[in-house]
Amino acid sequence: MATAILGGILIGGSSSRMGQPKHLCQIDGRTFFERVVAALQPHVDQVVAIGAGELPAAPAGSTRLDDVAGVRGPLAGILAALRWRSDATWLVAACDLPFVTPAAIAWLLAQAAPDRAAVIPRIDDRGVEPLLALYTPRIGSAVEQLVAASVRGPCKLVELPDVHCPQVPPELVDCWRNVNEPDDLDWRGR
């Protein structure tokens, strides 16, 4: 890719089902936020925290962006990223994906192509996951249009002809498993 590649971690949702901010929850002594940073860092030029909320110790050189004012849902963070660095390709990851690995990020980057404005992976029968996806500068106007239409989630982007929705390989599917409540952490034992 000719553009800079930045990693944006969406934080600051209400976390009502989790009972505490999800990005600060821990697995094996590391916060969800730190785990996502570790997966992104080998593949990006910079990691950016997007949204409100307390952060654990930030990685060196990290930046913090506020969500776009007046916009609700994950598009507020995606749009903030695209406006802040409209020349960059963004690997956007929700903070509630603590099982993401560098291998999953490498696979996602390998799906990029000049004719693809975004790569939004498809996960088995769960559908698409736009919150661990790749967004190029070309997707910016489509995101602006969704926000102007008061759409809160980015799933509508998959209807665009230049958005690629590849099937996640079986060995990487768990990287796209989100944790919304404490019981979600027990999925591996089932």
N, C-alpha and C. Protein backbone atom coordinates (compact mmCIF):
# COMPACT_ATOMS: atom_id res chain seq x y z
N MET A 1 0.83 -1.18 0.00
CA MET A 1 0.00 0.00 0.00
C MET A 1 0.88 1.25 0.00
N ALA A 2 0.46 2.23 -0.77
CA ALA A 2 1.25 3.44 -0.89
C ALA A 2 1.04 4.40 0.27
N THR A 3 -0.07 4.27 0.98
CA THR A 3 -0.36 5.20 2.07
C THR A 3 0.19 4.66 3.38
N ALA A 4 0.25 5.55 4.37
CA ALA A 4 0.61 5.12 5.72
C ALA A 4 -0.48 4.18 6.22
N ILE A 5 -0.10 3.23 7.05
CA ILE A 5 -1.06 2.30 7.65
C ILE A 5 -1.11 2.61 9.14
N LEU A 6 -2.30 3.00 9.59
CA LEU A 6 -2.49 3.34 10.99
C LEU A 6 -3.46 2.36 11.63
N GLY A 7 -3.26 2.10 12.91
CA GLY A 7 -4.17 1.25 13.66
C GLY A 7 -5.03 2.09 14.57
N GLY A 8 -6.32 1.97 14.45
CA GLY A 8 -7.25 2.72 15.29
C GLY A 8 -8.02 1.77 16.19
N ILE A 9 -7.94 1.96 17.50
CA ILE A 9 -8.66 1.11 18.45
C ILE A 9 -9.84 1.90 19.00
N LEU A 10 -11.03 1.40 18.75
CA LEU A 10 -12.25 2.06 19.20
C LEU A 10 -12.49 1.74 20.68
N ILE A 11 -12.55 2.78 21.50
CA ILE A 11 -12.80 2.63 22.94
C ILE A 11 -13.95 3.55 23.32
N GLY A 12 -14.45 3.40 24.53
CA GLY A 12 -15.38 4.38 25.05
C GLY A 12 -16.85 4.07 24.86
N GLY A 13 -17.19 2.85 24.44
CA GLY A 13 -18.60 2.49 24.40
C GLY A 13 -19.17 2.42 25.81
N SER A 14 -20.46 2.21 25.92
CA SER A 14 -21.09 2.23 27.25
C SER A 14 -20.72 1.02 28.11
N SER A 15 -20.37 -0.10 27.52
CA SER A 15 -19.97 -1.31 28.26
C SER A 15 -20.99 -1.72 29.30
N SER A 16 -22.26 -1.47 29.03
CA SER A 16 -23.30 -1.74 30.03
C SER A 16 -23.40 -3.23 30.39
N ARG A 17 -23.23 -4.12 29.44
CA ARG A 17 -23.31 -5.56 29.73
C ARG A 17 -22.07 -6.07 30.45
N MET A 18 -20.95 -5.41 30.25
CA MET A 18 -19.69 -5.85 30.86
C MET A 18 -19.57 -5.36 32.30
N GLY A 19 -20.20 -4.22 32.60
CA GLY A 19 -20.15 -3.70 33.96
C GLY A 19 -18.94 -2.82 34.25
N GLN A 20 -18.06 -2.68 33.29
CA GLN A 20 -16.88 -1.81 33.40
C GLN A 20 -16.41 -1.53 31.98
N PRO A 21 -15.58 -0.51 31.79
CA PRO A 21 -15.08 -0.22 30.44
C PRO A 21 -14.36 -1.45 29.86
N LYS A 22 -14.81 -1.90 28.69
CA LYS A 22 -14.25 -3.13 28.11
C LYS A 22 -12.76 -3.02 27.83
N HIS A 23 -12.32 -1.87 27.40
CA HIS A 23 -10.91 -1.74 27.05
C HIS A 23 -9.99 -1.89 28.25
N LEU A 24 -10.55 -1.76 29.48
CA LEU A 24 -9.74 -1.92 30.69
C LEU A 24 -9.86 -3.30 31.33
N CYS A 25 -10.74 -4.14 30.80
CA CYS A 25 -10.85 -5.52 31.30
C CYS A 25 -9.54 -6.25 31.01
N GLN A 26 -9.25 -7.28 31.81
CA GLN A 26 -7.97 -7.96 31.66
C GLN A 26 -8.13 -9.46 31.41
N ILE A 27 -7.17 -9.96 30.66
CA ILE A 27 -6.97 -11.40 30.47
C ILE A 27 -5.47 -11.62 30.67
N ASP A 28 -5.13 -12.52 31.56
CA ASP A 28 -3.73 -12.84 31.83
C ASP A 28 -2.89 -11.60 32.13
N GLY A 29 -3.45 -10.66 32.89
CA GLY A 29 -2.70 -9.50 33.33
C GLY A 29 -2.55 -8.38 32.32
N ARG A 30 -3.16 -8.51 31.15
CA ARG A 30 -3.09 -7.45 30.13
C ARG A 30 -4.50 -7.00 29.79
N THR A 31 -4.68 -5.69 29.67
CA THR A 31 -6.00 -5.16 29.32
C THR A 31 -6.35 -5.52 27.88
N PHE A 32 -7.65 -5.51 27.61
CA PHE A 32 -8.09 -5.75 26.23
C PHE A 32 -7.39 -4.76 25.30
N PHE A 33 -7.30 -3.49 25.73
CA PHE A 33 -6.65 -2.47 24.92
C PHE A 33 -5.22 -2.85 24.60
N GLU A 34 -4.47 -3.26 25.61
CA GLU A 34 -3.07 -3.64 25.40
C GLU A 34 -2.94 -4.84 24.47
N ARG A 35 -3.88 -5.77 24.57
CA ARG A 35 -3.84 -6.95 23.71
C ARG A 35 -4.08 -6.57 22.24
N VAL A 36 -5.00 -5.64 22.00
CA VAL A 36 -5.25 -5.20 20.62
C VAL A 36 -4.06 -4.41 20.10
N VAL A 37 -3.49 -3.56 20.94
CA VAL A 37 -2.28 -2.82 20.54
C VAL A 37 -1.19 -3.80 20.11
N ALA A 38 -0.97 -4.85 20.89
CA ALA A 38 0.08 -5.83 20.58
C ALA A 38 -0.14 -6.52 19.24
N ALA A 39 -1.40 -6.73 18.87
CA ALA A 39 -1.69 -7.36 17.57
C ALA A 39 -1.47 -6.39 16.42
N LEU A 40 -1.79 -5.13 16.63
CA LEU A 40 -1.67 -4.12 15.56
C LEU A 40 -0.23 -3.64 15.35
N GLN A 41 0.50 -3.42 16.43
CA GLN A 41 1.80 -2.74 16.35
C GLN A 41 2.77 -3.30 15.31
N PRO A 42 2.89 -4.61 15.12
CA PRO A 42 3.86 -5.08 14.12
C PRO A 42 3.51 -4.69 12.68
N HIS A 43 2.29 -4.23 12.46
CA HIS A 43 1.82 -4.00 11.09
C HIS A 43 1.48 -2.56 10.76
N VAL A 44 1.55 -1.67 11.73
CA VAL A 44 1.12 -0.30 11.48
C VAL A 44 2.23 0.69 11.80
N ASP A 45 2.09 1.88 11.23
CA ASP A 45 3.05 2.95 11.50
C ASP A 45 2.78 3.63 12.84
N GLN A 46 1.51 3.57 13.29
CA GLN A 46 1.13 4.23 14.53
C GLN A 46 -0.17 3.63 15.02
N VAL A 47 -0.33 3.53 16.34
CA VAL A 47 -1.58 3.09 16.96
C VAL A 47 -2.26 4.32 17.56
N VAL A 48 -3.56 4.44 17.30
CA VAL A 48 -4.34 5.58 17.77
C VAL A 48 -5.53 5.06 18.56
N ALA A 49 -5.73 5.59 19.77
CA ALA A 49 -6.92 5.28 20.56
C ALA A 49 -8.00 6.27 20.15
N ILE A 50 -9.19 5.75 19.84
CA ILE A 50 -10.27 6.60 19.36
C ILE A 50 -11.47 6.48 20.28
N GLY A 51 -11.86 7.59 20.90
CA GLY A 51 -13.02 7.60 21.78
C GLY A 51 -12.64 8.10 23.16
N ALA A 52 -13.63 8.08 24.06
CA ALA A 52 -13.44 8.59 25.41
C ALA A 52 -13.14 7.44 26.36
N GLY A 53 -12.62 7.77 27.48
CA GLY A 53 -12.38 6.77 28.50
C GLY A 53 -10.94 6.72 28.93
N GLU A 54 -10.75 6.25 30.14
CA GLU A 54 -9.42 6.10 30.72
C GLU A 54 -8.64 5.04 29.94
N LEU A 55 -7.36 5.27 29.78
CA LEU A 55 -6.52 4.30 29.08
C LEU A 55 -5.46 3.75 30.03
N PRO A 56 -5.05 2.50 29.81
CA PRO A 56 -3.87 2.01 30.51
C PRO A 56 -2.65 2.73 29.94
N ALA A 57 -1.49 2.42 30.43
CA ALA A 57 -0.28 3.06 29.91
C ALA A 57 -0.27 2.97 28.39
N ALA A 58 -0.16 4.12 27.75
CA ALA A 58 -0.22 4.17 26.29
C ALA A 58 1.10 3.73 25.68
N PRO A 59 1.03 3.07 24.55
CA PRO A 59 2.27 2.70 23.87
C PRO A 59 3.02 3.95 23.40
N ALA A 60 4.31 3.83 23.26
CA ALA A 60 5.14 4.96 22.83
C ALA A 60 4.63 5.49 21.50
N GLY A 61 4.53 6.80 21.41
CA GLY A 61 4.13 7.43 20.16
C GLY A 61 2.64 7.35 19.87
N SER A 62 1.84 6.94 20.83
CA SER A 62 0.41 6.80 20.56
C SER A 62 -0.28 8.16 20.61
N THR A 63 -1.42 8.21 19.97
CA THR A 63 -2.23 9.41 19.88
C THR A 63 -3.64 9.07 20.32
N ARG A 64 -4.36 10.05 20.77
CA ARG A 64 -5.73 9.87 21.21
C ARG A 64 -6.62 10.80 20.40
N LEU A 65 -7.69 10.26 19.81
CA LEU A 65 -8.66 11.06 19.07
C LEU A 65 -10.01 10.96 19.74
N ASP A 66 -10.76 12.04 19.75
CA ASP A 66 -12.13 12.00 20.21
C ASP A 66 -13.02 11.52 19.07
N ASP A 67 -14.13 10.87 19.43
CA ASP A 67 -15.14 10.54 18.43
C ASP A 67 -15.65 11.85 17.82
N VAL A 68 -16.20 11.77 16.61
CA VAL A 68 -16.79 12.94 15.98
C VAL A 68 -18.00 13.37 16.81
N ALA A 69 -18.02 14.63 17.18
CA ALA A 69 -19.11 15.16 18.02
C ALA A 69 -20.45 15.02 17.30
N GLY A 70 -21.46 14.63 18.07
CA GLY A 70 -22.81 14.53 17.53
C GLY A 70 -23.09 13.25 16.77
N VAL A 71 -22.11 12.37 16.67
CA VAL A 71 -22.28 11.10 15.96
C VAL A 71 -22.23 9.98 16.99
N ARG A 72 -23.17 9.05 16.91
CA ARG A 72 -23.20 7.94 17.87
C ARG A 72 -22.78 6.65 17.19
N GLY A 73 -22.29 5.73 17.99
CA GLY A 73 -21.93 4.43 17.47
C GLY A 73 -20.52 4.39 16.91
N PRO A 74 -20.13 3.24 16.37
CA PRO A 74 -18.75 3.08 15.91
C PRO A 74 -18.36 3.97 14.73
N LEU A 75 -19.35 4.42 13.96
CA LEU A 75 -19.00 5.32 12.86
C LEU A 75 -18.39 6.63 13.36
N ALA A 76 -18.70 7.02 14.60
CA ALA A 76 -18.10 8.24 15.18
C ALA A 76 -16.59 8.11 15.26
N GLY A 77 -16.11 6.93 15.61
CA GLY A 77 -14.68 6.71 15.70
C GLY A 77 -14.03 6.49 14.35
N ILE A 78 -14.69 5.73 13.49
CA ILE A 78 -14.14 5.49 12.15
C ILE A 78 -14.03 6.80 11.40
N LEU A 79 -15.07 7.62 11.49
CA LEU A 79 -15.05 8.92 10.81
C LEU A 79 -13.97 9.83 11.41
N ALA A 80 -13.80 9.81 12.72
CA ALA A 80 -12.75 10.62 13.35
C ALA A 80 -11.38 10.24 12.78
N ALA A 81 -11.15 8.94 12.63
CA ALA A 81 -9.87 8.48 12.08
C ALA A 81 -9.70 8.95 10.63
N LEU A 82 -10.72 8.73 9.82
CA LEU A 82 -10.62 9.09 8.40
C LEU A 82 -10.48 10.60 8.20
N ARG A 83 -11.08 11.39 9.06
CA ARG A 83 -10.92 12.85 8.96
C ARG A 83 -9.54 13.29 9.45
N TRP A 84 -9.05 12.66 10.50
CA TRP A 84 -7.76 13.05 11.07
C TRP A 84 -6.61 12.77 10.11
N ARG A 85 -6.62 11.61 9.50
CA ARG A 85 -5.61 11.24 8.50
C ARG A 85 -6.32 10.65 7.29
N SER A 86 -6.85 11.55 6.46
CA SER A 86 -7.61 11.12 5.29
C SER A 86 -6.72 10.49 4.22
N ASP A 87 -5.40 10.61 4.38
CA ASP A 87 -4.46 10.03 3.43
C ASP A 87 -3.99 8.64 3.85
N ALA A 88 -4.45 8.16 4.99
CA ALA A 88 -3.96 6.89 5.54
C ALA A 88 -4.94 5.75 5.32
N THR A 89 -4.39 4.56 5.31
CA THR A 89 -5.20 3.34 5.37
C THR A 89 -5.29 2.99 6.84
N TRP A 90 -6.51 2.69 7.29
CA TRP A 90 -6.76 2.42 8.70
C TRP A 90 -7.11 0.97 8.95
N LEU A 91 -6.42 0.35 9.86
CA LEU A 91 -6.82 -0.94 10.42
C LEU A 91 -7.59 -0.58 11.68
N VAL A 92 -8.90 -0.72 11.62
CA VAL A 92 -9.75 -0.35 12.75
C VAL A 92 -10.09 -1.61 13.53
N ALA A 93 -9.93 -1.53 14.85
CA ALA A 93 -10.23 -2.67 15.72
C ALA A 93 -11.01 -2.18 16.94
N ALA A 94 -12.08 -2.87 17.25
CA ALA A 94 -12.81 -2.57 18.47
C ALA A 94 -12.01 -3.08 19.66
N CYS A 95 -12.14 -2.40 20.78
CA CYS A 95 -11.38 -2.80 21.97
C CYS A 95 -11.89 -4.11 22.57
N ASP A 96 -13.07 -4.57 22.15
CA ASP A 96 -13.63 -5.80 22.73
C ASP A 96 -13.29 -7.04 21.92
N LEU A 97 -12.17 -6.99 21.20
CA LEU A 97 -11.66 -8.12 20.42
C LEU A 97 -10.30 -8.54 20.98
N PRO A 98 -10.26 -8.99 22.23
CA PRO A 98 -8.97 -9.24 22.88
C PRO A 98 -8.23 -10.48 22.39
N PHE A 99 -8.85 -11.26 21.51
CA PHE A 99 -8.19 -12.47 21.02
C PHE A 99 -7.56 -12.28 19.64
N VAL A 100 -7.57 -11.04 19.15
CA VAL A 100 -6.95 -10.75 17.86
C VAL A 100 -5.45 -11.00 17.96
N THR A 101 -4.86 -11.46 16.87
CA THR A 101 -3.43 -11.76 16.83
C THR A 101 -2.76 -11.03 15.67
N PRO A 102 -1.45 -10.90 15.72
CA PRO A 102 -0.74 -10.33 14.57
C PRO A 102 -1.01 -11.12 13.28
N ALA A 103 -1.21 -12.44 13.38
CA ALA A 103 -1.50 -13.24 12.18
C ALA A 103 -2.82 -12.83 11.54
N ALA A 104 -3.81 -12.51 12.35
CA ALA A 104 -5.10 -12.05 11.82
C ALA A 104 -4.94 -10.71 11.12
N ILE A 105 -4.14 -9.83 11.70
CA ILE A 105 -3.91 -8.53 11.08
C ILE A 105 -3.15 -8.70 9.76
N ALA A 106 -2.17 -9.59 9.73
CA ALA A 106 -1.43 -9.86 8.49
C ALA A 106 -2.37 -10.39 7.42
N TRP A 107 -3.27 -11.30 7.78
CA TRP A 107 -4.24 -11.82 6.81
C TRP A 107 -5.12 -10.69 6.28
N LEU A 108 -5.60 -9.83 7.17
CA LEU A 108 -6.45 -8.71 6.76
C LEU A 108 -5.72 -7.79 5.79
N LEU A 109 -4.49 -7.46 6.09
CA LEU A 109 -3.69 -6.62 5.19
C LEU A 109 -3.47 -7.28 3.83
N ALA A 110 -3.33 -8.59 3.82
CA ALA A 110 -3.12 -9.31 2.55
C ALA A 110 -4.34 -9.25 1.65
N GLN A 111 -5.49 -8.90 2.19
CA GLN A 111 -6.72 -8.80 1.39
C GLN A 111 -6.84 -7.47 0.66
N ALA A 112 -5.98 -6.52 0.98
CA ALA A 112 -6.03 -5.20 0.34
C ALA A 112 -5.65 -5.31 -1.13
N ALA A 113 -6.27 -4.46 -1.94
CA ALA A 113 -5.96 -4.38 -3.37
C ALA A 113 -6.32 -2.97 -3.84
N PRO A 114 -5.70 -2.51 -4.92
CA PRO A 114 -5.95 -1.15 -5.38
C PRO A 114 -7.43 -0.84 -5.68
N ASP A 115 -8.19 -1.85 -6.06
CA ASP A 115 -9.60 -1.61 -6.39
C ASP A 115 -10.53 -1.78 -5.19
N ARG A 116 -9.99 -1.92 -3.99
CA ARG A 116 -10.81 -2.15 -2.78
C ARG A 116 -10.73 -0.93 -1.86
N ALA A 117 -11.87 -0.31 -1.63
CA ALA A 117 -11.94 0.85 -0.73
C ALA A 117 -11.91 0.41 0.73
N ALA A 118 -12.36 -0.82 0.97
CA ALA A 118 -12.35 -1.35 2.33
C ALA A 118 -12.35 -2.87 2.26
N VAL A 119 -11.88 -3.48 3.33
CA VAL A 119 -11.95 -4.94 3.50
C VAL A 119 -12.67 -5.18 4.81
N ILE A 120 -13.88 -5.71 4.72
CA ILE A 120 -14.70 -6.00 5.89
C ILE A 120 -14.94 -7.50 5.89
N PRO A 121 -14.25 -8.23 6.76
CA PRO A 121 -14.29 -9.70 6.73
C PRO A 121 -15.65 -10.28 7.09
N ARG A 122 -15.89 -11.44 6.51
CA ARG A 122 -17.08 -12.24 6.79
C ARG A 122 -16.66 -13.40 7.69
N ILE A 123 -17.43 -13.62 8.76
CA ILE A 123 -17.09 -14.66 9.72
C ILE A 123 -18.22 -15.68 9.75
N ASP A 124 -18.01 -16.81 9.11
CA ASP A 124 -18.97 -17.92 9.12
C ASP A 124 -20.40 -17.40 9.01
N ASP A 125 -21.26 -17.91 9.88
CA ASP A 125 -22.67 -17.52 9.84
C ASP A 125 -22.95 -16.27 10.67
N ARG A 126 -21.92 -15.67 11.25
CA ARG A 126 -22.11 -14.46 12.06
C ARG A 126 -22.22 -13.21 11.19
N GLY A 127 -21.94 -13.31 9.92
CA GLY A 127 -22.00 -12.14 9.05
C GLY A 127 -20.66 -11.44 8.98
N VAL A 128 -20.70 -10.14 8.72
CA VAL A 128 -19.47 -9.37 8.58
C VAL A 128 -19.10 -8.72 9.90
N GLU A 129 -17.82 -8.39 10.03
CA GLU A 129 -17.32 -7.71 11.22
C GLU A 129 -16.57 -6.45 10.80
N PRO A 130 -17.29 -5.31 10.77
CA PRO A 130 -16.66 -4.07 10.34
C PRO A 130 -15.78 -3.41 11.40
N LEU A 131 -15.70 -4.02 12.58
CA LEU A 131 -14.91 -3.42 13.65
C LEU A 131 -13.59 -4.14 13.88
N LEU A 132 -13.20 -4.96 12.93
CA LEU A 132 -11.83 -5.43 12.76
C LEU A 132 -11.68 -5.54 11.26
N ALA A 133 -11.43 -4.39 10.66
CA ALA A 133 -11.49 -4.25 9.21
C ALA A 133 -10.47 -3.21 8.75
N LEU A 134 -10.33 -3.13 7.44
CA LEU A 134 -9.38 -2.22 6.83
C LEU A 134 -10.14 -1.18 6.00
N TYR A 135 -9.82 0.09 6.20
CA TYR A 135 -10.48 1.19 5.51
C TYR A 135 -9.43 2.06 4.83
N THR A 136 -9.54 2.22 3.51
CA THR A 136 -8.60 3.05 2.76
C THR A 136 -9.17 4.47 2.65
N PRO A 137 -8.35 5.42 2.21
CA PRO A 137 -8.86 6.78 2.05
C PRO A 137 -10.08 6.88 1.13
N ARG A 138 -10.21 5.95 0.20
CA ARG A 138 -11.32 5.99 -0.76
C ARG A 138 -12.69 5.77 -0.12
N ILE A 139 -12.75 5.24 1.10
CA ILE A 139 -14.04 4.95 1.74
C ILE A 139 -14.59 6.17 2.48
N GLY A 140 -13.79 7.20 2.62
CA GLY A 140 -14.17 8.37 3.42
C GLY A 140 -15.50 8.99 3.04
N SER A 141 -15.75 9.21 1.76
CA SER A 141 -17.01 9.86 1.36
C SER A 141 -18.21 8.97 1.67
N ALA A 142 -18.07 7.66 1.54
CA ALA A 142 -19.17 6.75 1.86
C ALA A 142 -19.48 6.78 3.36
N VAL A 143 -18.44 6.87 4.19
CA VAL A 143 -18.66 6.96 5.64
C VAL A 143 -19.34 8.29 5.97
N GLU A 144 -18.90 9.36 5.34
CA GLU A 144 -19.56 10.67 5.55
C GLU A 144 -21.04 10.59 5.20
N GLN A 145 -21.38 9.90 4.10
CA GLN A 145 -22.78 9.78 3.69
C GLN A 145 -23.60 8.98 4.70
N LEU A 146 -23.03 7.90 5.23
CA LEU A 146 -23.74 7.13 6.26
C LEU A 146 -24.02 7.98 7.50
N VAL A 147 -23.02 8.74 7.91
CA VAL A 147 -23.19 9.60 9.09
C VAL A 147 -24.26 10.65 8.81
N ALA A 148 -24.24 11.25 7.63
CA ALA A 148 -25.25 12.26 7.28
C ALA A 148 -26.65 11.66 7.28
N ALA A 149 -26.76 10.36 7.01
CA ALA A 149 -28.06 9.68 7.01
C ALA A 149 -28.41 9.12 8.39
N SER A 150 -27.62 9.48 9.41
CA SER A 150 -27.83 9.04 10.79
C SER A 150 -27.72 7.54 11.00
N VAL A 151 -26.94 6.87 10.17
CA VAL A 151 -26.65 5.45 10.35
C VAL A 151 -25.58 5.35 11.42
N ARG A 152 -25.73 4.41 12.35
CA ARG A 152 -24.78 4.30 13.47
C ARG A 152 -23.67 3.27 13.21
N GLY A 153 -23.95 2.26 12.44
CA GLY A 153 -22.98 1.19 12.23
C GLY A 153 -22.48 1.14 10.80
N PRO A 154 -21.28 0.63 10.62
CA PRO A 154 -20.67 0.59 9.30
C PRO A 154 -21.07 -0.60 8.42
N CYS A 155 -21.95 -1.47 8.87
CA CYS A 155 -22.30 -2.65 8.07
C CYS A 155 -22.87 -2.31 6.70
N LYS A 156 -23.52 -1.17 6.57
CA LYS A 156 -24.08 -0.74 5.27
C LYS A 156 -22.99 -0.60 4.20
N LEU A 157 -21.75 -0.41 4.63
CA LEU A 157 -20.66 -0.25 3.66
C LEU A 157 -20.47 -1.48 2.79
N VAL A 158 -20.87 -2.65 3.28
CA VAL A 158 -20.65 -3.88 2.50
C VAL A 158 -21.49 -3.90 1.22
N GLU A 159 -22.45 -3.01 1.11
CA GLU A 159 -23.28 -2.93 -0.10
C GLU A 159 -22.56 -2.24 -1.24
N LEU A 160 -21.46 -1.59 -0.96
CA LEU A 160 -20.71 -0.89 -2.00
C LEU A 160 -19.90 -1.86 -2.84
N PRO A 161 -19.82 -1.63 -4.16
CA PRO A 161 -19.12 -2.59 -5.03
C PRO A 161 -17.62 -2.69 -4.79
N ASP A 162 -17.01 -1.66 -4.21
CA ASP A 162 -15.55 -1.71 -4.00
C ASP A 162 -15.18 -2.06 -2.56
N VAL A 163 -16.12 -2.64 -1.82
CA VAL A 163 -15.85 -3.15 -0.49
C VAL A 163 -15.77 -4.67 -0.58
N HIS A 164 -14.64 -5.20 -0.19
CA HIS A 164 -14.36 -6.64 -0.28
C HIS A 164 -14.71 -7.30 1.05
N CYS A 165 -15.43 -8.42 0.99
CA CYS A 165 -15.85 -9.14 2.21
C CYS A 165 -15.37 -10.59 2.15
N PRO A 166 -14.08 -10.82 2.34
CA PRO A 166 -13.55 -12.18 2.27
C PRO A 166 -13.93 -13.00 3.51
N GLN A 167 -14.03 -14.29 3.31
CA GLN A 167 -14.30 -15.21 4.42
C GLN A 167 -13.03 -15.37 5.24
N VAL A 168 -13.14 -15.20 6.55
CA VAL A 168 -11.99 -15.39 7.44
C VAL A 168 -11.63 -16.87 7.47
N PRO A 169 -10.35 -17.22 7.33
CA PRO A 169 -9.95 -18.63 7.41
C PRO A 169 -10.33 -19.22 8.77
N PRO A 170 -10.72 -20.49 8.80
CA PRO A 170 -11.16 -21.12 10.06
C PRO A 170 -10.18 -20.96 11.21
N GLU A 171 -8.89 -21.02 10.93
CA GLU A 171 -7.90 -20.94 12.01
C GLU A 171 -7.80 -19.53 12.62
N LEU A 172 -8.42 -18.53 11.97
CA LEU A 172 -8.36 -17.16 12.48
C LEU A 172 -9.70 -16.64 12.99
N VAL A 173 -10.75 -17.41 12.84
CA VAL A 173 -12.10 -16.95 13.20
C VAL A 173 -12.17 -16.43 14.64
N ASP A 174 -11.52 -17.09 15.57
CA ASP A 174 -11.60 -16.67 16.97
C ASP A 174 -11.01 -15.29 17.22
N CYS A 175 -10.18 -14.81 16.31
CA CYS A 175 -9.62 -13.46 16.44
C CYS A 175 -10.70 -12.39 16.31
N TRP A 176 -11.79 -12.75 15.66
CA TRP A 176 -12.90 -11.81 15.46
C TRP A 176 -14.00 -12.02 16.52
N ARG A 177 -13.73 -12.76 17.56
CA ARG A 177 -14.72 -13.01 18.61
C ARG A 177 -14.69 -11.85 19.60
N ASN A 178 -15.83 -11.16 19.72
CA ASN A 178 -15.85 -10.04 20.66
C ASN A 178 -16.36 -10.46 22.03
N VAL A 179 -16.00 -9.67 23.02
CA VAL A 179 -16.37 -9.93 24.41
C VAL A 179 -17.23 -8.76 24.87
N ASN A 180 -18.53 -9.04 25.04
CA ASN A 180 -19.45 -7.99 25.46
C ASN A 180 -19.89 -8.12 26.91
N GLU A 181 -19.74 -9.31 27.48
CA GLU A 181 -20.12 -9.54 28.87
C GLU A 181 -19.19 -10.58 29.46
N PRO A 182 -19.11 -10.65 30.78
CA PRO A 182 -18.14 -11.56 31.40
C PRO A 182 -18.24 -13.01 30.92
N ASP A 183 -19.43 -13.51 30.68
CA ASP A 183 -19.59 -14.90 30.23
C ASP A 183 -18.92 -15.17 28.87
N ASP A 184 -18.74 -14.11 28.07
CA ASP A 184 -18.11 -14.28 26.76
C ASP A 184 -16.66 -14.71 26.88
N LEU A 185 -16.06 -14.53 28.03
CA LEU A 185 -14.67 -14.95 28.23
C LEU A 185 -14.54 -16.44 28.40
N ASP A 186 -15.65 -17.13 28.66
CA ASP A 186 -15.63 -18.58 28.89
C ASP A 186 -15.86 -19.39 27.63
N TRP A 187 -15.92 -18.77 26.46
CA TRP A 187 -16.27 -19.48 25.22
C TRP A 187 -15.31 -20.61 24.86
N ARG A 188 -14.04 -20.49 25.22
CA ARG A 188 -13.07 -21.51 24.83
C ARG A 188 -13.32 -22.84 25.54
N GLY A 189 -13.96 -22.79 26.70
CA GLY A 189 -14.22 -24.01 27.44
C GLY A 189 -15.48 -24.74 27.00
N ARG A 190 -16.20 -24.17 26.07
CA ARG A 190 -17.48 -24.78 25.64
C ARG A 190 -17.30 -25.73 24.49
